[in-house]
Amino acid sequence: MKTYAKDEGGNVTSVKAMLLARCSKQREAEDTIKRAIEIGKSFGHFHHTAYNIAVAYALLNKPAEAIKWLQVAADDGFPCYPWFENDANLNSLRKDEQFIGFMAKLKRQWERYKATL
């Protein structure tokens, strides 16, 4: 049986970063993102934290950082195209060419997954 490090608050801290970003508290949100990475990076389910970080960056209108963290989330075990496609928190990214390309790739991967089930 494989064991994973405990999440020492990375996921909760990343949610706090999302809330700070939603309130346009950029500096506090970015400081909180750094803390979430620091305390959550060794957790086996870091992809949830990575997704929340991506959302925080999307809410801060930082598309490059948001897409980077979406890719981390997808690569680390959360390649959930329907979730990414429908999350209103990512709306600021919808017209970004990098996001469009990322989503096209993710959709193809999702379709392959569905075809094997």
C-alpha atoms as a PDB file:
ATOM      1  CA  MET A   1       0.000   0.000   0.000  1.00  0.00           C
ATOM      2  CA  LYS A   2       1.367   3.384  -0.996  1.00  0.00           C
ATOM      3  CA  THR A   3       1.185   6.149   1.571  1.00  0.00           C
ATOM      4  CA  TYR A   4       1.048   9.866   0.946  1.00  0.00           C
ATOM      5  CA  ALA A   5       2.143  12.791   3.015  1.00  0.00           C
ATOM      6  CA  LYS A   6      -0.626  14.519   4.902  1.00  0.00           C
ATOM      7  CA  ASP A   7      -2.079  17.702   3.480  1.00  0.00           C
ATOM      8  CA  GLU A   8      -0.959  20.139   6.129  1.00  0.00           C
ATOM      9  CA  GLY A   9      -3.482  22.741   4.981  1.00  0.00           C
ATOM     10  CA  GLY A  10      -2.450  23.340   1.394  1.00  0.00           C
ATOM     11  CA  ASN A  11      -5.918  22.743  -0.004  1.00  0.00           C
ATOM     12  CA  VAL A  12      -7.647  24.936   2.569  1.00  0.00           C
ATOM     13  CA  THR A  13      -5.006  27.605   2.100  1.00  0.00           C
ATOM     14  CA  SER A  14      -5.533  27.526  -1.664  1.00  0.00           C
ATOM     15  CA  VAL A  15      -9.266  28.084  -1.118  1.00  0.00           C
ATOM     16  CA  LYS A  16      -8.361  31.092   1.018  1.00  0.00           C
ATOM     17  CA  ALA A  17      -6.255  32.366  -1.901  1.00  0.00           C
ATOM     18  CA  MET A  18      -9.282  32.011  -4.197  1.00  0.00           C
ATOM     19  CA  LEU A  19     -11.421  34.033  -1.781  1.00  0.00           C
ATOM     20  CA  LEU A  20      -8.775  36.744  -1.490  1.00  0.00           C
ATOM     21  CA  ALA A  21      -8.491  36.885  -5.281  1.00  0.00           C
ATOM     22  CA  ARG A  22     -12.276  37.136  -5.584  1.00  0.00           C
ATOM     23  CA  CYS A  23     -12.078  40.169  -3.250  1.00  0.00           C
ATOM     24  CA  SER A  24      -9.325  41.712  -5.443  1.00  0.00           C
ATOM     25  CA  LYS A  25      -6.727  41.417  -2.697  1.00  0.00           C
ATOM     26  CA  GLN A  26      -3.900  40.605  -5.079  1.00  0.00           C
ATOM     27  CA  ARG A  27      -0.910  40.786  -2.761  1.00  0.00           C
ATOM     28  CA  GLU A  28      -2.599  38.769  -0.041  1.00  0.00           C
ATOM     29  CA  ALA A  29      -3.836  36.219  -2.578  1.00  0.00           C
ATOM     30  CA  GLU A  30      -0.380  35.767  -4.073  1.00  0.00           C
ATOM     31  CA  ASP A  31       1.229  35.426  -0.637  1.00  0.00           C
ATOM     32  CA  THR A  32      -1.409  32.831   0.243  1.00  0.00           C
ATOM     33  CA  ILE A  33      -0.763  30.946  -3.003  1.00  0.00           C
ATOM     34  CA  LYS A  34       2.920  30.713  -2.085  1.00  0.00           C
ATOM     35  CA  ARG A  35       1.982  29.369   1.331  1.00  0.00           C
ATOM     36  CA  ALA A  36      -0.422  26.810  -0.184  1.00  0.00           C
ATOM     37  CA  ILE A  37       2.347  25.532  -2.450  1.00  0.00           C
ATOM     38  CA  GLU A  38       4.819  25.375   0.414  1.00  0.00           C
ATOM     39  CA  ILE A  39       2.603  23.394   2.769  1.00  0.00           C
ATOM     40  CA  GLY A  40       0.765  21.279   0.197  1.00  0.00           C
ATOM     41  CA  LYS A  41       3.340  20.315  -2.435  1.00  0.00           C
ATOM     42  CA  SER A  42       4.217  16.897  -1.015  1.00  0.00           C
ATOM     43  CA  PHE A  43       0.609  15.782  -0.641  1.00  0.00           C
ATOM     44  CA  GLY A  44      -0.467  12.989  -2.986  1.00  0.00           C
ATOM     45  CA  HIS A  45      -3.592  14.877  -4.005  1.00  0.00           C
ATOM     46  CA  PHE A  46      -1.897  18.204  -4.699  1.00  0.00           C
ATOM     47  CA  HIS A  47      -3.907  18.497  -7.919  1.00  0.00           C
ATOM     48  CA  HIS A  48      -6.833  19.949  -5.932  1.00  0.00           C
ATOM     49  CA  THR A  49      -4.569  22.636  -4.512  1.00  0.00           C
ATOM     50  CA  ALA A  50      -3.106  23.268  -7.974  1.00  0.00           C
ATOM     51  CA  TYR A  51      -6.587  23.721  -9.440  1.00  0.00           C
ATOM     52  CA  ASN A  52      -7.525  26.210  -6.712  1.00  0.00           C
ATOM     53  CA  ILE A  53      -4.300  28.115  -7.362  1.00  0.00           C
ATOM     54  CA  ALA A  54      -5.206  28.250 -11.048  1.00  0.00           C
ATOM     55  CA  VAL A  55      -8.618  29.656 -10.166  1.00  0.00           C
ATOM     56  CA  ALA A  56      -7.047  32.269  -7.905  1.00  0.00           C
ATOM     57  CA  TYR A  57      -4.756  33.382 -10.731  1.00  0.00           C
ATOM     58  CA  ALA A  58      -7.680  33.454 -13.177  1.00  0.00           C
ATOM     59  CA  LEU A  59      -9.600  35.663 -10.746  1.00  0.00           C
ATOM     60  CA  LEU A  60      -6.530  37.914 -10.511  1.00  0.00           C
ATOM     61  CA  ASN A  61      -6.503  38.172 -14.331  1.00  0.00           C
ATOM     62  CA  LYS A  62      -3.142  36.428 -14.605  1.00  0.00           C
ATOM     63  CA  PRO A  63      -3.832  34.001 -17.453  1.00  0.00           C
ATOM     64  CA  ALA A  64      -0.310  32.623 -17.935  1.00  0.00           C
ATOM     65  CA  GLU A  65      -0.040  31.645 -14.280  1.00  0.00           C
ATOM     66  CA  ALA A  66      -3.600  30.281 -14.245  1.00  0.00           C
ATOM     67  CA  ILE A  67      -3.002  28.080 -17.283  1.00  0.00           C
ATOM     68  CA  LYS A  68       0.314  26.859 -15.869  1.00  0.00           C
ATOM     69  CA  TRP A  69      -1.454  25.683 -12.705  1.00  0.00           C
ATOM     70  CA  LEU A  70      -4.345  24.158 -14.648  1.00  0.00           C
ATOM     71  CA  GLN A  71      -1.758  22.096 -16.492  1.00  0.00           C
ATOM     72  CA  VAL A  72      -0.183  21.072 -13.172  1.00  0.00           C
ATOM     73  CA  ALA A  73      -3.607  20.019 -11.888  1.00  0.00           C
ATOM     74  CA  ALA A  74      -4.350  18.029 -15.044  1.00  0.00           C
ATOM     75  CA  ASP A  75      -0.925  16.372 -15.139  1.00  0.00           C
ATOM     76  CA  ASP A  76      -1.083  15.534 -11.441  1.00  0.00           C
ATOM     77  CA  GLY A  77      -4.371  13.626 -11.554  1.00  0.00           C
ATOM     78  CA  PHE A  78      -7.220  16.058 -12.245  1.00  0.00           C
ATOM     79  CA  PRO A  79      -7.686  16.143 -16.043  1.00  0.00           C
ATOM     80  CA  CYS A  80     -11.425  16.822 -15.687  1.00  0.00           C
ATOM     81  CA  TYR A  81     -12.413  18.556 -18.918  1.00  0.00           C
ATOM     82  CA  PRO A  82     -16.115  19.029 -18.006  1.00  0.00           C
ATOM     83  CA  TRP A  83     -15.161  20.717 -14.733  1.00  0.00           C
ATOM     84  CA  PHE A  84     -12.649  23.054 -16.393  1.00  0.00           C
ATOM     85  CA  GLU A  85     -15.092  23.786 -19.215  1.00  0.00           C
ATOM     86  CA  ASN A  86     -17.939  24.769 -16.889  1.00  0.00           C
ATOM     87  CA  ASP A  87     -16.187  26.508 -13.993  1.00  0.00           C
ATOM     88  CA  ALA A  88     -17.291  30.156 -14.137  1.00  0.00           C
ATOM     89  CA  ASN A  89     -14.194  31.081 -12.131  1.00  0.00           C
ATOM     90  CA  LEU A  90     -12.177  30.460 -15.303  1.00  0.00           C
ATOM     91  CA  ASN A  91     -14.259  32.744 -17.529  1.00  0.00           C
ATOM     92  CA  SER A  92     -11.486  35.345 -17.736  1.00  0.00           C
ATOM     93  CA  LEU A  93      -9.411  32.744 -19.622  1.00  0.00           C
ATOM     94  CA  ARG A  94     -11.967  31.672 -22.234  1.00  0.00           C
ATOM     95  CA  LYS A  95     -10.631  33.885 -25.062  1.00  0.00           C
ATOM     96  CA  ASP A  96      -6.946  33.309 -24.317  1.00  0.00           C
ATOM     97  CA  GLU A  97      -5.284  31.342 -27.136  1.00  0.00           C
ATOM     98  CA  GLN A  98      -3.126  29.341 -24.723  1.00  0.00           C
ATOM     99  CA  PHE A  99      -6.220  28.371 -22.719  1.00  0.00           C
ATOM    100  CA  ILE A 100      -8.112  27.444 -25.885  1.00  0.00           C
ATOM    101  CA  GLY A 101      -5.249  25.170 -26.940  1.00  0.00           C
ATOM    102  CA  PHE A 102      -4.977  23.648 -23.471  1.00  0.00           C
ATOM    103  CA  MET A 103      -8.711  22.951 -23.405  1.00  0.00           C
ATOM    104  CA  ALA A 104      -8.668  21.389 -26.879  1.00  0.00           C
ATOM    105  CA  LYS A 105      -5.913  19.016 -25.754  1.00  0.00           C
ATOM    106  CA  LEU A 106      -7.745  18.247 -22.526  1.00  0.00           C
ATOM    107  CA  LYS A 107     -10.971  17.561 -24.429  1.00  0.00           C
ATOM    108  CA  ARG A 108      -9.226  15.068 -26.720  1.00  0.00           C
ATOM    109  CA  GLN A 109      -7.772  13.325 -23.682  1.00  0.00           C
ATOM    110  CA  TRP A 110     -11.197  13.279 -21.990  1.00  0.00           C
ATOM    111  CA  GLU A 111     -12.804  11.777 -25.104  1.00  0.00           C
ATOM    112  CA  ARG A 112     -10.169   9.005 -25.126  1.00  0.00           C
ATOM    113  CA  TYR A 113     -10.918   8.284 -21.467  1.00  0.00           C
ATOM    114  CA  LYS A 114     -14.642   8.109 -22.166  1.00  0.00           C
ATOM    115  CA  ALA A 115     -14.137   5.779 -25.100  1.00  0.00           C
ATOM    116  CA  THR A 116     -12.288   3.263 -22.926  1.00  0.00           C
ATOM    117  CA  LEU A 117     -14.945   3.074 -20.215  1.00  0.00           C
END
